[in-house]
Protein backbone atom coordinates (compact mmCIF):
# COMPACT_ATOMS: atom_id res chain seq x y z
CA MET A 1 165.85 -22.81 104.44
CA ALA A 2 169.51 -21.65 105.20
CA TYR A 3 168.57 -17.91 103.95
CA ALA A 4 165.84 -17.63 106.79
CA PRO A 5 167.73 -16.37 109.60
CA ARG A 6 169.50 -13.81 107.29
CA ILE A 7 165.85 -12.67 106.08
CA ILE A 8 164.67 -12.29 109.55
CA ARG A 9 167.79 -10.40 110.63
CA ASP A 10 167.40 -7.72 107.67
CA VAL A 11 163.64 -7.38 108.75
CA ARG A 12 164.66 -6.78 112.30
CA GLY A 13 167.05 -4.20 111.11
CA CYS A 14 164.75 -2.38 108.91
CA ILE A 15 162.25 -2.42 111.79
CA LEU A 16 164.90 -0.80 114.17
CA ALA A 17 165.76 1.73 111.70
CA GLY A 18 162.51 2.89 110.98
CA ILE A 19 161.87 3.57 114.69
CA THR A 20 165.39 5.34 115.30
CA PHE A 21 164.37 7.66 112.51
CA SER A 22 160.96 8.07 113.83
CA LEU A 23 162.37 9.10 116.98
CA LEU A 24 164.61 11.27 115.75
CA PHE A 25 162.33 13.43 113.54
CA SER A 26 159.57 13.35 116.86
CA PHE A 27 162.70 14.89 118.63
CA LEU A 28 163.87 17.60 115.78
CA PHE A 29 160.32 18.47 115.94
CA LEU A 30 159.77 19.39 119.28
CA LEU A 31 162.90 21.59 119.01
CA GLY A 32 161.39 23.41 116.45
CA ALA A 33 164.07 22.17 113.68
CA LEU A 34 161.61 21.26 111.28
CA PRO A 35 158.46 23.22 109.97
CA PRO A 36 155.10 22.55 111.49
CA PRO A 37 152.53 21.07 109.18
CA PRO A 38 150.78 23.56 107.11
CA GLY A 39 147.68 24.96 108.96
CA PRO A 40 144.51 26.62 107.70
CA MET A 41 145.14 29.48 105.20
CA THR A 42 144.64 32.89 106.14
CA ARG A 43 144.48 36.07 104.15
CA VAL A 44 146.80 38.64 105.93
CA THR A 45 147.53 41.88 104.12
CA PRO A 46 150.71 41.70 102.56
CA GLY A 47 153.02 44.78 103.67
CA ILE A 48 150.27 46.67 105.57
CA SER A 49 149.95 44.92 108.86
CA GLY A 50 146.33 43.56 109.49
CA ASN A 51 144.09 40.77 108.63
CA LEU A 52 141.28 41.77 106.17
CA GLU A 53 138.64 40.14 108.31
CA GLY A 54 140.13 40.85 111.55
CA GLY A 55 139.19 44.83 111.61
CA HIS A 56 142.39 46.46 112.71
CA LEU A 57 144.52 49.00 111.51
CA GLY A 58 147.82 48.67 109.48
CA VAL A 59 150.93 50.65 110.52
CA ARG A 60 152.95 50.72 107.25
CA ASP A 61 152.26 53.45 104.14
CA PRO A 62 150.69 51.84 101.54
CA ARG A 63 152.85 53.74 99.08
CA GLN A 64 155.82 52.36 100.46
CA VAL A 65 154.59 49.14 100.14
CA MET A 66 153.64 49.57 96.46
CA LEU A 67 157.47 50.74 96.08
CA GLU A 68 158.56 47.40 97.80
CA MET A 69 156.42 45.44 95.33
CA HIS A 70 156.83 46.95 92.14
CA GLY A 71 159.93 48.90 92.38
CA ASP A 72 159.30 51.13 89.07
CA LEU A 73 156.63 52.90 90.60
CA GLY A 74 159.06 55.77 91.48
CA PHE A 75 158.81 59.27 89.80
CA GLU A 76 161.89 60.73 88.01
CA LYS A 77 161.46 63.92 89.72
CA CYS A 78 159.15 64.69 92.76
CA VAL A 79 161.06 67.30 94.81
CA GLY A 80 157.73 68.34 96.73
CA ASN A 81 156.65 64.83 97.84
CA PRO A 82 159.12 62.42 98.48
CA MET A 83 156.39 59.74 99.29
CA ALA A 84 154.62 59.95 96.19
CA VAL A 85 154.59 56.76 94.04
CA LYS A 86 153.16 56.62 90.59
CA SER A 87 148.93 55.91 90.77
CA PRO A 88 147.24 54.04 88.01
CA GLU A 89 146.15 57.21 86.45
CA ASP A 90 150.25 58.31 86.45
CA ILE A 91 151.21 54.71 85.06
CA ARG A 92 148.44 54.63 82.33
CA ALA A 93 149.58 58.18 81.28
CA ASN A 94 153.41 57.40 81.42
CA ARG A 95 154.27 60.30 83.71
CA SER A 96 157.73 60.76 85.18
CA VAL A 97 156.89 63.99 87.32
CA CYS A 98 154.45 64.07 90.27
CA LEU A 99 152.04 66.25 90.66
CA HIS A 100 153.63 68.22 93.36
CA ASP A 101 156.11 69.29 90.85
CA VAL A 102 153.76 70.12 87.89
CA ASP A 103 153.38 74.03 87.20
CA PRO A 104 149.62 74.83 87.50
CA LYS A 105 149.78 76.72 84.15
CA SER A 106 150.83 73.69 82.23
CA TYR A 107 148.38 71.45 83.90
CA ARG A 108 146.47 70.13 81.01
CA HIS A 109 143.17 69.76 83.03
CA ASN A 110 141.04 72.18 84.70
CA TRP A 111 143.20 73.51 87.62
CA THR A 112 140.73 74.98 89.55
CA CYS A 113 138.53 71.57 89.86
CA ALA A 114 142.04 69.70 90.15
CA GLU A 115 143.06 72.26 93.10
CA GLN A 116 139.58 71.53 94.92
CA ALA A 117 140.01 67.83 94.52
CA MET A 118 143.19 67.96 96.33
CA ARG A 119 141.90 69.71 99.73
CA ARG A 120 141.54 66.35 101.11
CA THR A 121 143.26 66.64 104.65
CA TYR A 122 141.89 67.64 107.96
CA GLY A 123 144.01 68.27 110.98
CA PHE A 124 143.33 68.42 114.53
CA SER A 125 145.56 68.36 117.67
CA LEU A 126 145.32 66.90 121.36
CA VAL A 127 146.83 68.26 124.43
CA PHE A 128 147.44 65.48 126.99
CA SER A 129 147.44 66.24 130.72
CA PRO A 130 150.01 64.96 133.14
CA ASN A 131 148.51 62.51 135.45
CA ASN A 132 145.51 62.49 133.35
CA VAL A 133 144.05 65.64 134.94
CA MET A 134 142.16 67.68 132.70
CA PRO A 135 142.70 71.57 132.50
CA ASP A 136 141.30 73.47 129.71
CA ALA A 137 144.03 73.54 126.86
CA PRO A 138 146.42 76.66 127.14
CA ASP A 139 145.92 78.97 124.20
CA ASN A 140 149.52 79.51 123.74
CA THR A 141 150.23 75.75 123.17
CA ARG A 142 148.19 75.51 119.98
CA ARG A 143 150.67 74.72 116.94
CA THR A 144 153.68 76.08 118.93
CA SER A 145 155.52 73.07 120.82
CA ASP A 146 155.31 69.43 121.59
CA VAL A 147 154.71 70.41 125.41
CA GLY A 148 152.61 73.05 126.59
CA GLU A 149 152.43 74.60 129.74
CA GLY A 150 152.45 72.43 132.82
CA GLY A 151 154.10 69.45 130.98
CA HIS A 152 150.88 69.07 128.63
CA GLU A 153 151.95 66.81 125.54
CA ILE A 154 150.66 67.99 122.25
CA ARG A 155 149.89 65.32 119.62
CA ARG A 156 148.67 66.26 116.14
CA PHE A 157 146.93 64.11 113.63
CA ARG A 158 145.68 64.64 110.21
CA TYR A 159 143.04 62.57 108.38
CA VAL A 160 144.00 62.01 104.56
CA GLU A 161 140.64 61.81 103.05
CA ILE A 162 139.70 59.51 100.35
CA PRO A 163 136.22 59.69 98.59
CA LYS A 164 133.97 56.58 98.79
CA THR A 165 135.84 55.06 101.75
CA GLY A 166 133.41 55.99 104.17
CA SER A 167 134.69 59.52 104.41
CA SER A 168 131.48 61.39 104.66
CA LEU A 169 130.97 59.42 107.81
CA VAL A 170 134.32 59.65 109.17
CA LYS A 171 134.33 63.45 108.67
CA TYR A 172 130.94 63.80 110.56
CA GLN A 173 132.00 61.61 113.45
CA LEU A 174 135.32 63.47 113.34
CA GLY A 175 133.89 66.72 113.62
CA SER A 176 131.27 65.50 116.10
CA LEU A 177 133.93 63.94 118.36
CA LEU A 178 136.26 67.14 118.20
CA ASP A 179 133.20 69.03 119.44
CA LYS A 180 132.05 66.76 121.97
CA CYS A 181 135.64 66.67 123.27
CA GLY A 182 136.86 70.13 122.63
CA PRO A 183 138.96 72.75 124.10
CA SER A 184 136.49 73.69 127.00
CA LYS A 185 135.22 69.86 127.75
CA LYS A 186 136.74 67.77 130.11
CA TYR A 187 136.91 64.09 128.94
CA GLY A 188 139.08 61.34 129.03
CA ASN A 189 142.76 62.22 129.36
CA ALA A 190 143.00 64.43 126.39
CA VAL A 191 141.77 67.53 125.27
CA VAL A 192 140.95 67.99 121.59
CA ILE A 193 141.83 71.06 119.73
CA ALA A 194 140.55 71.08 115.87
CA ASP A 195 142.59 73.02 113.53
CA ARG A 196 140.21 72.13 110.64
CA ASP A 197 142.55 73.28 108.06
CA TRP A 198 141.85 71.68 104.90
CA TYR A 199 144.66 72.16 102.21
CA GLY A 200 145.89 70.48 98.99
CA LEU A 201 149.71 69.82 98.16
CA ARG A 202 152.07 70.59 100.72
CA PRO A 203 155.90 70.09 100.93
CA PRO A 204 157.09 68.01 103.85
CA GLU A 205 158.93 71.08 105.64
CA SER A 206 155.34 72.80 105.88
CA LEU A 207 154.05 70.14 107.69
CA GLU A 208 153.92 69.94 111.75
CA ARG A 209 156.99 67.79 112.78
CA ASN A 210 155.16 65.32 114.89
CA GLU A 211 152.06 65.05 112.74
CA GLU A 212 150.58 61.66 112.52
CA ALA A 213 148.31 60.79 109.55
CA PHE A 214 145.78 58.38 108.94
CA ALA A 215 143.57 57.17 106.21
CA PHE A 216 141.05 54.56 105.15
CA ILE A 217 141.09 52.42 101.94
CA ARG A 218 138.83 50.14 100.29
CA HIS A 219 138.44 47.54 97.61
CA PRO A 220 139.68 49.61 94.57
CA VAL A 221 137.08 48.20 92.10
CA LYS A 222 134.24 48.52 94.46
CA ARG A 223 135.31 51.80 95.18
CA PHE A 224 135.28 52.68 91.88
CA ILE A 225 131.69 51.38 91.34
CA SER A 226 130.50 53.35 94.30
CA GLY A 227 131.88 56.47 92.97
CA TYR A 228 130.51 55.94 89.59
CA GLY A 229 127.09 55.85 91.14
CA THR A 230 127.56 59.11 93.04
CA ILE A 231 128.66 60.79 89.67
CA MET A 232 125.75 59.68 87.77
CA ARG A 233 123.28 60.65 90.46
CA ARG A 234 124.80 63.98 90.79
CA LEU A 235 124.99 64.74 87.04
CA GLY A 236 121.06 64.26 87.17
CA ARG A 237 120.80 67.84 89.18
CA LYS A 238 119.31 70.52 87.46
CA GLU A 239 122.22 72.69 87.98
CA ASN A 240 124.61 70.04 86.40
CA GLN A 241 122.32 69.27 83.88
CA GLU A 242 122.43 72.91 82.63
CA ARG A 243 126.13 72.64 82.60
CA LEU A 244 125.94 69.30 80.52
CA ARG A 245 124.94 71.50 77.74
CA GLY A 246 128.43 72.88 77.22
CA PHE A 247 128.01 76.56 78.49
CA VAL A 248 127.05 78.29 81.50
CA PHE A 249 126.70 81.94 82.42
CA GLU A 250 129.45 83.01 84.89
CA TRP A 251 130.25 86.52 84.51
CA GLY A 252 129.29 86.19 80.80
CA MET A 253 129.07 83.18 78.48
CA LYS A 254 131.41 80.38 79.45
CA LYS A 255 131.99 77.35 77.50
CA LEU A 256 132.63 74.19 78.77
CA LYS A 257 134.98 71.48 77.68
CA GLY A 258 133.92 67.91 76.53
CA MET A 259 130.24 68.06 78.06
CA LYS A 260 128.75 66.75 74.89
CA GLU A 261 130.41 63.43 75.56
CA LEU A 262 129.76 63.30 79.05
CA LYS A 263 126.01 64.07 78.46
CA ARG A 264 125.80 61.24 75.84
CA ILE A 265 127.26 58.70 78.38
CA TRP A 266 124.90 59.98 81.19
CA SER A 267 122.00 59.30 78.84
CA LEU A 268 122.86 55.46 78.10
CA PRO A 269 120.84 52.76 79.63
CA GLU A 270 122.51 50.46 81.96
CA PRO A 271 124.69 48.18 81.66
CA GLU A 272 125.94 50.19 78.49
CA ARG A 273 126.46 53.22 80.54
CA PHE A 274 128.96 51.59 83.00
CA ASP A 275 130.81 50.09 80.19
CA VAL A 276 131.09 53.24 78.32
CA PHE A 277 132.22 55.28 81.21
CA VAL A 278 134.95 52.78 82.35
CA ASP A 279 136.42 53.34 78.87
CA HIS A 280 136.05 57.09 79.32
CA TYR A 281 137.92 56.85 82.61
CA LEU A 282 140.62 54.56 81.18
CA GLU A 283 141.02 56.84 78.41
CA LEU A 284 141.23 60.01 80.46
CA GLY A 285 142.33 59.23 83.80
CA ASP A 286 142.47 62.16 85.98
CA GLY A 287 141.92 64.18 82.94
CA LEU A 288 138.31 63.82 84.04
CA LEU A 289 138.85 66.84 86.24
CA MET A 290 138.67 68.77 83.19
CA TYR A 291 134.70 68.54 83.35
CA ASP A 292 133.79 71.84 85.31
CA PHE A 293 130.80 71.50 87.79
CA GLY A 294 130.94 74.87 89.41
CA GLY A 295 130.54 74.70 93.06
CA ASN A 296 130.78 70.52 93.00
CA CYS A 297 133.89 71.15 90.73
CA PRO A 298 135.93 68.00 91.41
CA LEU A 299 132.81 65.58 91.13
CA MET A 300 134.74 63.27 88.66
CA ALA A 301 137.33 62.96 91.82
CA HIS A 302 135.21 60.11 93.32
CA VAL A 303 136.60 57.51 90.63
CA LEU A 304 140.07 58.43 90.87
CA SER A 305 142.71 55.97 92.40
CA GLN A 306 143.29 55.89 95.89
CA THR A 307 146.82 56.35 95.52
CA TRP A 308 146.13 59.62 93.77
CA PHE A 309 144.59 60.94 96.97
CA LEU A 310 147.35 59.41 99.24
CA ASN A 311 149.90 61.09 97.03
CA LEU A 312 148.42 64.38 98.21
CA TYR A 313 150.35 64.13 101.76
CA SER A 314 153.89 64.42 101.44
CA LYS A 315 154.83 62.38 104.81
CA PRO A 316 154.44 58.92 105.71
CA ILE A 317 151.13 57.94 106.53
CA LYS A 318 151.11 56.08 109.84
CA TYR A 319 147.86 54.44 110.31
CA ILE A 320 145.70 52.80 107.62
CA GLY A 321 142.01 51.47 108.20
CA ARG A 322 139.58 49.69 106.02
CA THR A 323 136.37 50.69 105.13
CA GLU A 324 135.14 46.95 105.27
CA THR A 325 136.08 47.06 109.12
CA LEU A 326 135.37 50.99 109.45
CA ASN A 327 133.58 50.35 113.10
CA ASP A 328 136.46 48.53 114.54
CA ASP A 329 139.37 50.41 112.94
CA TYR A 330 137.72 53.56 114.10
CA ARG A 331 137.15 52.64 117.65
CA HIS A 332 140.91 51.08 117.47
CA PHE A 333 142.58 54.28 116.12
CA PHE A 334 140.74 56.81 118.56
CA GLY A 335 140.41 54.63 121.40
CA ASP A 336 144.04 52.54 121.41
CA ILE A 337 146.28 55.00 119.38
CA VAL A 338 144.98 58.35 119.88
CA GLY A 339 144.09 57.56 123.64
CA LEU A 340 140.60 58.97 124.06
CA ARG A 341 138.26 57.25 126.67
CA THR A 342 136.56 54.13 125.22
CA ASP A 343 133.20 54.92 126.12
CA CYS A 344 133.56 58.63 124.28
CA VAL A 345 134.53 56.75 121.13
CA ALA A 346 132.06 54.01 121.41
CA GLY A 347 129.39 56.44 121.45
CA HIS A 348 130.38 57.99 118.03
CA VAL A 349 131.22 54.85 116.55
CA SER A 350 127.50 53.45 117.19
CA GLU A 351 126.30 55.71 114.52
CA LEU A 352 128.67 53.98 111.83
CA THR A 353 126.92 50.46 112.40
CA THR A 354 125.54 49.29 109.00
CA THR A 355 124.49 45.61 108.32
CA ASP A 356 126.13 46.23 104.91
CA SER A 357 129.61 46.67 106.10
CA GLN A 358 129.44 43.12 107.46
CA ALA A 359 128.03 41.53 104.26
CA ASN A 360 130.01 39.18 102.34
CA THR A 361 129.33 41.37 99.20
CA GLY A 362 132.06 44.00 100.48
CA ASP A 363 129.84 46.59 99.29
CA ALA A 364 131.06 48.91 102.38
CA SER A 365 129.92 52.29 100.49
CA ASN A 366 126.81 51.56 101.90
CA ALA A 367 128.48 52.63 105.36
CA VAL A 368 128.14 56.00 103.69
CA ASN A 369 124.96 55.43 101.59
CA ARG A 370 122.95 54.24 104.57
CA GLU A 371 123.61 57.33 106.85
CA ILE A 372 120.99 58.09 109.14
CA ALA A 373 120.18 61.63 109.51
CA VAL A 374 123.91 62.35 109.03
CA ASN A 375 124.50 63.19 105.32
CA PRO A 376 121.35 62.64 103.32
CA ILE A 377 123.06 64.02 100.22
CA ASN A 378 125.30 60.66 99.94
CA ARG A 379 122.16 58.24 101.06
CA ARG A 380 121.92 55.86 98.24
CA GLU A 381 122.81 58.47 95.44
CA GLY A 382 122.99 55.92 92.79
CA GLN A 383 119.80 54.54 92.77
CA LYS A 384 118.15 57.95 91.92
CA ALA A 385 119.96 57.67 88.64
CA GLY A 386 119.19 54.15 87.71
CA VAL A 387 122.53 52.85 88.80
CA ARG A 388 122.43 49.31 90.21
CA GLU A 389 123.99 47.55 92.91
CA ASP A 390 127.54 46.87 92.76
CA VAL A 391 126.78 42.97 92.29
CA TYR A 392 124.67 43.76 89.16
CA TYR A 393 128.06 45.34 87.63
CA LEU A 394 130.34 42.68 88.87
CA ARG A 395 127.97 39.99 87.48
CA GLU A 396 126.85 41.72 83.92
CA CYS A 397 130.07 43.82 83.00
CA ARG A 398 132.84 41.18 83.29
CA SER A 399 134.59 42.96 80.66
CA SER A 400 134.80 46.05 82.05
CA VAL A 401 135.62 44.77 85.57
CA ALA A 402 138.30 42.94 84.03
CA LYS A 403 139.79 46.19 82.80
CA LEU A 404 139.38 47.60 86.16
CA ASN A 405 141.05 45.06 87.99
CA ASP A 406 144.19 45.28 85.73
CA HIS A 407 143.95 49.23 85.73
CA PHE A 408 144.17 48.99 89.89
CA ARG A 409 146.42 45.67 90.05
CA VAL A 410 149.23 47.64 91.78
CA GLU A 411 146.64 48.85 94.60
CA MET A 412 144.97 45.63 95.19
CA ASP A 413 148.52 44.10 95.55
CA ALA A 414 149.64 46.48 98.01
CA PHE A 415 146.64 47.04 99.89
CA GLY A 416 145.76 43.14 100.12
CA TYR A 417 142.67 42.62 98.14
CA ALA A 418 141.87 39.97 95.47
CA PRO A 419 140.34 40.69 91.95
CA VAL A 420 136.73 40.70 91.67
């Protein structure tokens, strides 16, 4: 019984110590000295600012993010393009020199088709008038200075096109928007001057000083599947079937390289055809550009990596949108960043509306495939060639999909996409 008072004192001391530590912890928490408890997980794009589900543009060049995440993606030599990084095709081919520094005569592919595939940028200028007064754009301000007559500010933009990222709709809408808001039109607080100068590789010093570039990206594997559908459908055209025979009359008989193997692949049933084509692409990379399809020469470019196309622009790309949120990003870019009136932009964005771009499958290529009287060539291209929906290949071709996940890993890391 003699020990009872001591036990009581010990219990009281423990209780007081607990209360003291609880009060101290609460005080430090209120001061922000301790981290808050973990909240719900959100998927935010690493490097490229922007939530994958949120639908707003990123503001970092994906190539710079790729270099930061994978420091070994730089070229030993790339004088013509300091922004270039190794694309998945460059990595697989173990290249040390970028495409800008390659002599066309030594290029092992069909340079004509490669050059056509490189013409993927589209320029336009906007003349902003002071105090939102809308005069017609002075002729002598075009491409001459950052400030025109009367203090008109000139801003120049360039769209870096990546096939199968909704590019057909963007080009159509972009052209329509420029025509609506052209030099003779008074709309919003800017006059739009369309340069419409498509070009390929150019060093930075040949570009406009204050030019701002933008592009749209998409999940690399799902984009590849969409590009595969386009290729197979177009191979079924009469003129391309003639070229698959391996020769064509063009100023005499012209023998075409490799067509026998490509024709064999085209004739296979699904899903075997997809599996064989994936292996063919992984073997050749951008060597697929050797296939010469005349007027539609760079047909195979539809499955080349997105980095391959981003590398065609030798300055930083300032704004990055997503095909999965094309409507929101298009509206944000032309409304909030470019500065056109929101009602002008909204009228054009309405044609981009598609249920598929909001579907959980993520097959936002249907933003292209479901164009309504916009570009019927792209509408459901793959289905006419027996190509299935992307979910079919994701389910039935797991081995090939795993190969593609590995091949495009550096892009998915930088773009903020998970393997499928």
